[in-house]
């Protein structure tokens, strides 16, 4: 997927392709100036936004793969946030703790089921209860496998239901993580700092925050309070004078209205 970026020298708008590292070394085709764009966005956020954009553009089947990958990468994000928070509580140096975590993660990096197991344990230790939402039915695992592994071509409504389920789960867990998420954010900042230190003086560094479905969660509890619907607004159909909370589908649709407009700036190749 491509995103717009502005050359710091001639101010021309150029389009760049998202990278896995969120670091983009660019050369302006107009003035040949070199610049490096650092996008502060976690992998799970990027993948979910890719899925959302695919769904908005009518690529329902392609969206499923992105939503499924977003959930897996969020489980990794959760584990990293929890592990780094515990390391900080023990007074460990961040770089050392991150190195140990990366070494441990290499044992499960290619095994999704083991990653889910690590997440389940992290959730149990942090919340003191079982992750009841990890059943195949709750996660829509059968639907995901049917689409990705058996070539099923889903309808838009089916994918939207699946997306709403994934969105609701990630949104809930982000709320429970709260400021703990900042520990995982620091890992990306360290990666950026290391790359920035190696850049030649002739290359301009640009840090960007991109809009997205979970972007509000990245700015701490004060911003979160502003971005989350108030109890007066989080309502479904009024029945008998009392309003019901939004279900997953309604919450996803509300998020689409509030946050997906920024995704219009991003284009698939």
C-alpha atoms as a PDB file:
ATOM      1  CA  UNK A   1       0.000   0.000   0.000  1.00  0.00           C
ATOM      2  CA  UNK A   2       1.205   3.489  -0.825  1.00  0.00           C
ATOM      3  CA  UNK A   3       0.987   6.568   1.365  1.00  0.00           C
ATOM      4  CA  UNK A   4       1.579  10.264   0.633  1.00  0.00           C
ATOM      5  CA  UNK A   5       4.655  12.028   1.975  1.00  0.00           C
ATOM      6  CA  UNK A   6       6.004  15.532   1.323  1.00  0.00           C
ATOM      7  CA  UNK A   7       9.564  16.236   0.263  1.00  0.00           C
ATOM      8  CA  UNK A   8      11.107  18.536   2.913  1.00  0.00           C
ATOM      9  CA  UNK A   9      13.164  20.321   0.245  1.00  0.00           C
ATOM     10  CA  UNK A  10      10.795  21.143  -2.639  1.00  0.00           C
ATOM     11  CA  UNK A  11       7.479  20.329  -0.850  1.00  0.00           C
ATOM     12  CA  UNK A  12       6.346  18.036  -3.645  1.00  0.00           C
ATOM     13  CA  UNK A  13       3.952  15.289  -2.573  1.00  0.00           C
ATOM     14  CA  UNK A  14       5.381  11.864  -3.326  1.00  0.00           C
ATOM     15  CA  UNK A  15       4.017   8.394  -2.686  1.00  0.00           C
ATOM     16  CA  UNK A  16       5.951   5.793  -0.768  1.00  0.00           C
ATOM     17  CA  UNK A  17       5.332   2.108  -0.156  1.00  0.00           C
ATOM     18  CA  UNK A  18       4.915   0.977   3.435  1.00  0.00           C
ATOM     19  CA  UNK A  19       7.800  -1.134   4.673  1.00  0.00           C
ATOM     20  CA  UNK A  20       7.841  -3.883   7.288  1.00  0.00           C
ATOM     21  CA  UNK A  21      10.089  -1.793   9.539  1.00  0.00           C
ATOM     22  CA  UNK A  22       8.051   1.436   9.187  1.00  0.00           C
ATOM     23  CA  UNK A  23      11.299   3.122   8.092  1.00  0.00           C
ATOM     24  CA  UNK A  24      11.270   4.570   4.565  1.00  0.00           C
ATOM     25  CA  UNK A  25      14.409   5.932   2.917  1.00  0.00           C
ATOM     26  CA  UNK A  26      13.279   8.043  -0.021  1.00  0.00           C
ATOM     27  CA  UNK A  27      14.685  10.176  -2.815  1.00  0.00           C
ATOM     28  CA  UNK A  28      12.441  12.874  -4.239  1.00  0.00           C
ATOM     29  CA  UNK A  29      12.017  12.298  -8.008  1.00  0.00           C
ATOM     30  CA  UNK A  30      11.680  16.057  -8.499  1.00  0.00           C
ATOM     31  CA  UNK A  31      14.649  17.603  -6.665  1.00  0.00           C
ATOM     32  CA  UNK A  32      16.605  14.416  -5.794  1.00  0.00           C
ATOM     33  CA  UNK A  33      16.698  15.327  -2.096  1.00  0.00           C
ATOM     34  CA  UNK A  34      17.081  12.349   0.232  1.00  0.00           C
ATOM     35  CA  UNK A  35      14.861  11.980   3.273  1.00  0.00           C
ATOM     36  CA  UNK A  36      13.820   9.253   5.676  1.00  0.00           C
ATOM     37  CA  UNK A  37      10.241   8.890   6.915  1.00  0.00           C
ATOM     38  CA  UNK A  38       9.656   7.104  10.229  1.00  0.00           C
ATOM     39  CA  UNK A  39       6.012   6.074  10.636  1.00  0.00           C
ATOM     40  CA  UNK A  40       4.986   5.649  14.262  1.00  0.00           C
ATOM     41  CA  UNK A  41       2.564   2.812  13.817  1.00  0.00           C
ATOM     42  CA  UNK A  42       2.642  -0.710  15.174  1.00  0.00           C
ATOM     43  CA  UNK A  43       2.477  -3.733  12.868  1.00  0.00           C
ATOM     44  CA  UNK A  44      -0.977  -4.778  14.059  1.00  0.00           C
ATOM     45  CA  UNK A  45      -2.295  -1.272  13.410  1.00  0.00           C
ATOM     46  CA  UNK A  46      -0.868  -1.249   9.914  1.00  0.00           C
ATOM     47  CA  UNK A  47      -2.287  -4.658   9.078  1.00  0.00           C
ATOM     48  CA  UNK A  48      -5.731  -3.819  10.394  1.00  0.00           C
ATOM     49  CA  UNK A  49      -5.744  -0.591   8.387  1.00  0.00           C
ATOM     50  CA  UNK A  50      -4.704  -2.552   5.289  1.00  0.00           C
ATOM     51  CA  UNK A  51      -7.653  -4.849   5.873  1.00  0.00           C
ATOM     52  CA  UNK A  52     -10.000  -1.929   6.426  1.00  0.00           C
ATOM     53  CA  UNK A  53      -8.857  -0.237   3.248  1.00  0.00           C
ATOM     54  CA  UNK A  54      -9.223  -3.484   1.277  1.00  0.00           C
ATOM     55  CA  UNK A  55     -12.751  -3.910   2.648  1.00  0.00           C
ATOM     56  CA  UNK A  56     -13.670  -0.318   1.791  1.00  0.00           C
ATOM     57  CA  UNK A  57     -12.353  -0.840  -1.748  1.00  0.00           C
ATOM     58  CA  UNK A  58     -14.321  -4.048  -2.265  1.00  0.00           C
ATOM     59  CA  UNK A  59     -11.533  -6.615  -1.799  1.00  0.00           C
ATOM     60  CA  UNK A  60     -13.314  -8.673   0.842  1.00  0.00           C
ATOM     61  CA  UNK A  61     -11.263 -11.862   0.585  1.00  0.00           C
ATOM     62  CA  UNK A  62      -7.946  -9.992   0.713  1.00  0.00           C
ATOM     63  CA  UNK A  63      -9.150  -8.113   3.788  1.00  0.00           C
ATOM     64  CA  UNK A  64      -9.566 -11.350   5.769  1.00  0.00           C
ATOM     65  CA  UNK A  65      -5.845 -12.178   5.553  1.00  0.00           C
ATOM     66  CA  UNK A  66      -4.906  -8.719   6.834  1.00  0.00           C
ATOM     67  CA  UNK A  67      -7.398  -8.826   9.714  1.00  0.00           C
ATOM     68  CA  UNK A  68      -6.205 -12.288  10.757  1.00  0.00           C
ATOM     69  CA  UNK A  69      -2.555 -11.208  10.621  1.00  0.00           C
ATOM     70  CA  UNK A  70      -3.400  -8.068  12.607  1.00  0.00           C
ATOM     71  CA  UNK A  71      -4.774 -10.168  15.451  1.00  0.00           C
ATOM     72  CA  UNK A  72      -1.688 -12.404  15.522  1.00  0.00           C
ATOM     73  CA  UNK A  73       0.629  -9.406  15.593  1.00  0.00           C
ATOM     74  CA  UNK A  74      -1.456  -7.813  18.328  1.00  0.00           C
ATOM     75  CA  UNK A  75      -0.993 -10.911  20.469  1.00  0.00           C
ATOM     76  CA  UNK A  76       2.761 -10.435  19.983  1.00  0.00           C
ATOM     77  CA  UNK A  77       2.421  -6.741  20.868  1.00  0.00           C
ATOM     78  CA  UNK A  78       0.581  -7.684  24.069  1.00  0.00           C
ATOM     79  CA  UNK A  79       3.259 -10.200  25.080  1.00  0.00           C
ATOM     80  CA  UNK A  80       6.012  -7.667  24.437  1.00  0.00           C
ATOM     81  CA  UNK A  81       4.221  -4.939  26.389  1.00  0.00           C
ATOM     82  CA  UNK A  82       3.677  -7.264  29.344  1.00  0.00           C
ATOM     83  CA  UNK A  83       7.232  -8.654  29.350  1.00  0.00           C
ATOM     84  CA  UNK A  84       8.857  -5.230  29.071  1.00  0.00           C
ATOM     85  CA  UNK A  85       6.617  -3.826  31.795  1.00  0.00           C
ATOM     86  CA  UNK A  86       7.681  -6.610  34.157  1.00  0.00           C
ATOM     87  CA  UNK A  87      11.328  -6.021  33.252  1.00  0.00           C
ATOM     88  CA  UNK A  88      10.928  -2.318  34.037  1.00  0.00           C
ATOM     89  CA  UNK A  89       9.363  -3.167  37.405  1.00  0.00           C
ATOM     90  CA  UNK A  90      12.429  -5.279  38.180  1.00  0.00           C
ATOM     91  CA  UNK A  91      14.667  -2.355  37.261  1.00  0.00           C
ATOM     92  CA  UNK A  92      16.189  -3.981  34.174  1.00  0.00           C
ATOM     93  CA  UNK A  93      17.836  -1.820  31.529  1.00  0.00           C
ATOM     94  CA  UNK A  94      15.481  -1.491  28.548  1.00  0.00           C
ATOM     95  CA  UNK A  95      17.931  -2.510  25.816  1.00  0.00           C
ATOM     96  CA  UNK A  96      18.975  -5.611  27.735  1.00  0.00           C
ATOM     97  CA  UNK A  97      15.377  -6.578  28.468  1.00  0.00           C
ATOM     98  CA  UNK A  98      14.443  -6.086  24.818  1.00  0.00           C
ATOM     99  CA  UNK A  99      17.349  -8.248  23.693  1.00  0.00           C
ATOM    100  CA  UNK A 100      16.295 -11.058  26.028  1.00  0.00           C
ATOM    101  CA  UNK A 101      12.702 -10.788  24.827  1.00  0.00           C
ATOM    102  CA  UNK A 102      13.746 -10.916  21.166  1.00  0.00           C
ATOM    103  CA  UNK A 103      15.877 -13.996  21.851  1.00  0.00           C
ATOM    104  CA  UNK A 104      12.944 -15.741  23.521  1.00  0.00           C
ATOM    105  CA  UNK A 105      10.531 -14.777  20.748  1.00  0.00           C
ATOM    106  CA  UNK A 106      12.782 -16.382  18.128  1.00  0.00           C
ATOM    107  CA  UNK A 107      11.751 -19.772  19.559  1.00  0.00           C
ATOM    108  CA  UNK A 108       8.123 -19.188  18.485  1.00  0.00           C
ATOM    109  CA  UNK A 109       8.442 -16.718  15.614  1.00  0.00           C
ATOM    110  CA  UNK A 110       7.324 -19.279  13.021  1.00  0.00           C
ATOM    111  CA  UNK A 111       4.723 -21.051  15.159  1.00  0.00           C
ATOM    112  CA  UNK A 112       1.414 -19.260  15.536  1.00  0.00           C
ATOM    113  CA  UNK A 113      -0.043 -21.698  18.066  1.00  0.00           C
ATOM    114  CA  UNK A 114       2.920 -21.248  20.405  1.00  0.00           C
ATOM    115  CA  UNK A 115       2.587 -17.488  20.092  1.00  0.00           C
ATOM    116  CA  UNK A 116      -1.048 -17.743  21.145  1.00  0.00           C
ATOM    117  CA  UNK A 117       0.110 -19.862  24.085  1.00  0.00           C
ATOM    118  CA  UNK A 118       2.560 -17.146  25.147  1.00  0.00           C
ATOM    119  CA  UNK A 119      -0.215 -14.582  24.882  1.00  0.00           C
ATOM    120  CA  UNK A 120      -2.593 -16.743  26.961  1.00  0.00           C
ATOM    121  CA  UNK A 121      -0.010 -17.021  29.734  1.00  0.00           C
ATOM    122  CA  UNK A 122       0.780 -13.294  29.632  1.00  0.00           C
ATOM    123  CA  UNK A 123      -2.927 -12.495  29.879  1.00  0.00           C
ATOM    124  CA  UNK A 124      -3.393 -14.902  32.801  1.00  0.00           C
ATOM    125  CA  UNK A 125      -0.443 -13.438  34.717  1.00  0.00           C
ATOM    126  CA  UNK A 126      -1.514  -9.867  34.069  1.00  0.00           C
ATOM    127  CA  UNK A 127      -5.295 -10.108  34.473  1.00  0.00           C
ATOM    128  CA  UNK A 128      -5.534 -13.095  36.831  1.00  0.00           C
ATOM    129  CA  UNK A 129      -8.128 -14.877  34.711  1.00  0.00           C
ATOM    130  CA  UNK A 130      -8.320 -17.094  31.683  1.00  0.00           C
ATOM    131  CA  UNK A 131      -8.561 -15.529  28.202  1.00  0.00           C
ATOM    132  CA  UNK A 132     -12.056 -16.844  27.554  1.00  0.00           C
ATOM    133  CA  UNK A 133     -12.081 -15.137  24.148  1.00  0.00           C
ATOM    134  CA  UNK A 134      -9.452 -17.503  22.686  1.00  0.00           C
ATOM    135  CA  UNK A 135     -11.910 -20.167  21.531  1.00  0.00           C
ATOM    136  CA  UNK A 136     -11.993 -20.839  17.812  1.00  0.00           C
ATOM    137  CA  UNK A 137     -15.627 -19.779  17.655  1.00  0.00           C
ATOM    138  CA  UNK A 138     -14.986 -16.461  19.399  1.00  0.00           C
ATOM    139  CA  UNK A 139     -12.028 -15.673  17.122  1.00  0.00           C
ATOM    140  CA  UNK A 140     -13.776 -16.752  13.925  1.00  0.00           C
ATOM    141  CA  UNK A 141     -11.034 -19.304  13.274  1.00  0.00           C
ATOM    142  CA  UNK A 142     -13.179 -21.558  11.075  1.00  0.00           C
ATOM    143  CA  UNK A 143     -14.125 -18.639   8.845  1.00  0.00           C
ATOM    144  CA  UNK A 144     -10.508 -17.497   8.601  1.00  0.00           C
ATOM    145  CA  UNK A 145      -9.267 -20.976   7.664  1.00  0.00           C
ATOM    146  CA  UNK A 146     -12.076 -21.429   5.178  1.00  0.00           C
ATOM    147  CA  UNK A 147     -11.070 -18.220   3.381  1.00  0.00           C
ATOM    148  CA  UNK A 148      -7.276 -18.443   3.612  1.00  0.00           C
ATOM    149  CA  UNK A 149      -6.662 -22.186   3.334  1.00  0.00           C
ATOM    150  CA  UNK A 150      -9.667 -23.499   1.399  1.00  0.00           C
ATOM    151  CA  UNK A 151     -10.092 -20.670  -1.086  1.00  0.00           C
ATOM    152  CA  UNK A 152     -13.584 -19.666   0.032  1.00  0.00           C
ATOM    153  CA  UNK A 153     -14.720 -16.361  -1.476  1.00  0.00           C
ATOM    154  CA  UNK A 154     -16.643 -14.533   1.264  1.00  0.00           C
ATOM    155  CA  UNK A 155     -19.290 -11.882   0.912  1.00  0.00           C
ATOM    156  CA  UNK A 156     -18.755  -8.329   2.144  1.00  0.00           C
ATOM    157  CA  UNK A 157     -21.124  -8.803   5.087  1.00  0.00           C
ATOM    158  CA  UNK A 158     -19.265 -11.908   6.281  1.00  0.00           C
ATOM    159  CA  UNK A 159     -15.929 -10.108   6.232  1.00  0.00           C
ATOM    160  CA  UNK A 160     -17.389  -7.085   7.967  1.00  0.00           C
ATOM    161  CA  UNK A 161     -18.681  -9.343  10.746  1.00  0.00           C
ATOM    162  CA  UNK A 162     -15.249 -10.944  11.076  1.00  0.00           C
ATOM    163  CA  UNK A 163     -13.540  -7.534  11.095  1.00  0.00           C
ATOM    164  CA  UNK A 164     -15.912  -6.298  13.784  1.00  0.00           C
ATOM    165  CA  UNK A 165     -15.063  -9.299  15.970  1.00  0.00           C
ATOM    166  CA  UNK A 166     -11.312  -8.724  15.608  1.00  0.00           C
ATOM    167  CA  UNK A 167     -11.689  -4.972  16.122  1.00  0.00           C
ATOM    168  CA  UNK A 168     -13.709  -5.428  19.309  1.00  0.00           C
ATOM    169  CA  UNK A 169     -11.184  -7.846  20.783  1.00  0.00           C
ATOM    170  CA  UNK A 170      -8.129  -5.700  20.033  1.00  0.00           C
ATOM    171  CA  UNK A 171      -9.949  -2.586  21.232  1.00  0.00           C
ATOM    172  CA  UNK A 172     -10.873  -4.300  24.505  1.00  0.00           C
ATOM    173  CA  UNK A 173      -7.367  -5.595  25.136  1.00  0.00           C
ATOM    174  CA  UNK A 174      -5.808  -2.227  24.335  1.00  0.00           C
ATOM    175  CA  UNK A 175      -8.118  -0.648  26.889  1.00  0.00           C
ATOM    176  CA  UNK A 176      -7.047  -3.221  29.481  1.00  0.00           C
ATOM    177  CA  UNK A 177      -3.363  -2.680  28.670  1.00  0.00           C
ATOM    178  CA  UNK A 178      -3.627   1.077  29.165  1.00  0.00           C
ATOM    179  CA  UNK A 179      -0.224   2.682  29.718  1.00  0.00           C
ATOM    180  CA  UNK A 180       1.458  -0.732  29.614  1.00  0.00           C
ATOM    181  CA  UNK A 181       1.302  -0.486  25.813  1.00  0.00           C
ATOM    182  CA  UNK A 182       3.914   2.266  25.983  1.00  0.00           C
ATOM    183  CA  UNK A 183       6.569  -0.289  26.909  1.00  0.00           C
ATOM    184  CA  UNK A 184       6.092  -2.030  23.549  1.00  0.00           C
ATOM    185  CA  UNK A 185       6.014   1.348  21.794  1.00  0.00           C
ATOM    186  CA  UNK A 186       9.507   2.042  23.120  1.00  0.00           C
ATOM    187  CA  UNK A 187      10.848  -0.904  21.129  1.00  0.00           C
ATOM    188  CA  UNK A 188       9.889   0.834  17.897  1.00  0.00           C
ATOM    189  CA  UNK A 189      11.347   4.107  19.145  1.00  0.00           C
ATOM    190  CA  UNK A 190      14.652   2.336  19.857  1.00  0.00           C
ATOM    191  CA  UNK A 191      14.672   0.899  16.335  1.00  0.00           C
ATOM    192  CA  UNK A 192      14.055   4.379  14.950  1.00  0.00           C
ATOM    193  CA  UNK A 193      16.763   5.936  17.134  1.00  0.00           C
ATOM    194  CA  UNK A 194      19.347   3.377  16.012  1.00  0.00           C
ATOM    195  CA  UNK A 195      18.527   3.983  12.348  1.00  0.00           C
ATOM    196  CA  UNK A 196      18.488   7.742  12.819  1.00  0.00           C
ATOM    197  CA  UNK A 197      21.955   7.682  14.374  1.00  0.00           C
ATOM    198  CA  UNK A 198      23.323   5.945  11.268  1.00  0.00           C
ATOM    199  CA  UNK A 199      21.785   8.348   8.740  1.00  0.00           C
ATOM    200  CA  UNK A 200      24.147  10.742   6.898  1.00  0.00           C
ATOM    201  CA  UNK A 201      23.771  14.412   7.790  1.00  0.00           C
ATOM    202  CA  UNK A 202      22.503  15.072   4.252  1.00  0.00           C
ATOM    203  CA  UNK A 203      19.374  12.977   4.850  1.00  0.00           C
ATOM    204  CA  UNK A 204      16.423  14.733   6.480  1.00  0.00           C
ATOM    205  CA  UNK A 205      14.532  12.689   9.079  1.00  0.00           C
ATOM    206  CA  UNK A 206      10.748  13.016   9.257  1.00  0.00           C
ATOM    207  CA  UNK A 207       8.561  11.404  11.921  1.00  0.00           C
ATOM    208  CA  UNK A 208       4.896  10.893  11.047  1.00  0.00           C
ATOM    209  CA  UNK A 209       1.764   9.746  12.851  1.00  0.00           C
ATOM    210  CA  UNK A 210      -0.714   8.146  10.455  1.00  0.00           C
ATOM    211  CA  UNK A 211      -4.456   7.929  11.039  1.00  0.00           C
ATOM    212  CA  UNK A 212      -6.056   4.571  11.538  1.00  0.00           C
ATOM    213  CA  UNK A 213      -8.591   2.473  13.395  1.00  0.00           C
ATOM    214  CA  UNK A 214      -6.517   2.177  16.593  1.00  0.00           C
ATOM    215  CA  UNK A 215      -4.476   5.375  16.369  1.00  0.00           C
ATOM    216  CA  UNK A 216      -6.224   6.990  19.329  1.00  0.00           C
ATOM    217  CA  UNK A 217      -4.960   4.204  21.593  1.00  0.00           C
ATOM    218  CA  UNK A 218      -1.355   5.284  20.980  1.00  0.00           C
ATOM    219  CA  UNK A 219      -1.556   8.611  22.788  1.00  0.00           C
ATOM    220  CA  UNK A 220      -2.120   7.655  26.408  1.00  0.00           C
ATOM    221  CA  UNK A 221      -5.167   7.725  28.607  1.00  0.00           C
ATOM    222  CA  UNK A 222      -5.884  11.452  28.229  1.00  0.00           C
ATOM    223  CA  UNK A 223      -6.241  11.153  24.465  1.00  0.00           C
ATOM    224  CA  UNK A 224      -8.017   7.836  24.866  1.00  0.00           C
ATOM    225  CA  UNK A 225     -10.671   9.439  27.038  1.00  0.00           C
ATOM    226  CA  UNK A 226     -11.301  12.022  24.326  1.00  0.00           C
ATOM    227  CA  UNK A 227     -11.376   9.483  21.517  1.00  0.00           C
ATOM    228  CA  UNK A 228     -13.654   6.941  23.163  1.00  0.00           C
ATOM    229  CA  UNK A 229     -17.407   7.448  22.881  1.00  0.00           C
ATOM    230  CA  UNK A 230     -19.020   8.736  26.036  1.00  0.00           C
ATOM    231  CA  UNK A 231     -21.696   6.611  27.716  1.00  0.00           C
ATOM    232  CA  UNK A 232     -24.290   8.951  26.265  1.00  0.00           C
ATOM    233  CA  UNK A 233     -23.062   8.197  22.744  1.00  0.00           C
ATOM    234  CA  UNK A 234     -22.372   4.489  23.067  1.00  0.00           C
ATOM    235  CA  UNK A 235     -25.903   3.344  22.459  1.00  0.00           C
ATOM    236  CA  UNK A 236     -27.797   0.975  20.283  1.00  0.00           C
ATOM    237  CA  UNK A 237     -31.499   0.989  19.511  1.00  0.00           C
ATOM    238  CA  UNK A 238     -33.628   2.499  22.242  1.00  0.00           C
ATOM    239  CA  UNK A 239     -35.854  -0.200  23.665  1.00  0.00           C
ATOM    240  CA  UNK A 240     -38.455   0.614  26.280  1.00  0.00           C
ATOM    241  CA  UNK A 241     -36.796   3.926  27.095  1.00  0.00           C
ATOM    242  CA  UNK A 242     -33.399   2.370  27.848  1.00  0.00           C
ATOM    243  CA  UNK A 243     -30.487   2.383  25.410  1.00  0.00           C
ATOM    244  CA  UNK A 244     -28.365  -0.728  24.906  1.00  0.00           C
ATOM    245  CA  UNK A 245     -24.567  -0.647  24.499  1.00  0.00           C
ATOM    246  CA  UNK A 246     -23.192  -1.021  21.012  1.00  0.00           C
ATOM    247  CA  UNK A 247     -22.574  -4.557  19.828  1.00  0.00           C
ATOM    248  CA  UNK A 248     -19.351  -5.463  17.983  1.00  0.00           C
ATOM    249  CA  UNK A 249     -20.752  -4.648  14.562  1.00  0.00           C
ATOM    250  CA  UNK A 250     -22.096  -1.270  15.683  1.00  0.00           C
ATOM    251  CA  UNK A 251     -18.828  -0.398  17.436  1.00  0.00           C
ATOM    252  CA  UNK A 252     -16.876  -1.271  14.278  1.00  0.00           C
ATOM    253  CA  UNK A 253     -19.175   0.861  12.140  1.00  0.00           C
ATOM    254  CA  UNK A 254     -18.804   3.774  14.532  1.00  0.00           C
ATOM    255  CA  UNK A 255     -15.026   3.434  14.388  1.00  0.00           C
ATOM    256  CA  UNK A 256     -15.198   3.395  10.601  1.00  0.00           C
ATOM    257  CA  UNK A 257     -17.136   6.650  10.621  1.00  0.00           C
ATOM    258  CA  UNK A 258     -14.812   8.292  13.135  1.00  0.00           C
ATOM    259  CA  UNK A 259     -11.379   7.064  12.079  1.00  0.00           C
ATOM    260  CA  UNK A 260     -11.291   5.534   8.621  1.00  0.00           C
ATOM    261  CA  UNK A 261     -11.524   8.783   6.664  1.00  0.00           C
ATOM    262  CA  UNK A 262      -7.769   9.186   6.970  1.00  0.00           C
ATOM    263  CA  UNK A 263      -7.322   5.851   5.214  1.00  0.00           C
ATOM    264  CA  UNK A 264      -8.687   7.439   2.043  1.00  0.00           C
ATOM    265  CA  UNK A 265      -5.272   9.025   1.573  1.00  0.00           C
ATOM    266  CA  UNK A 266      -3.649   5.611   1.241  1.00  0.00           C
ATOM    267  CA  UNK A 267      -3.750   3.723  -2.035  1.00  0.00           C
ATOM    268  CA  UNK A 268      -3.100   0.161  -3.042  1.00  0.00           C
ATOM    269  CA  UNK A 269      -0.615  -0.310  -5.878  1.00  0.00           C
END
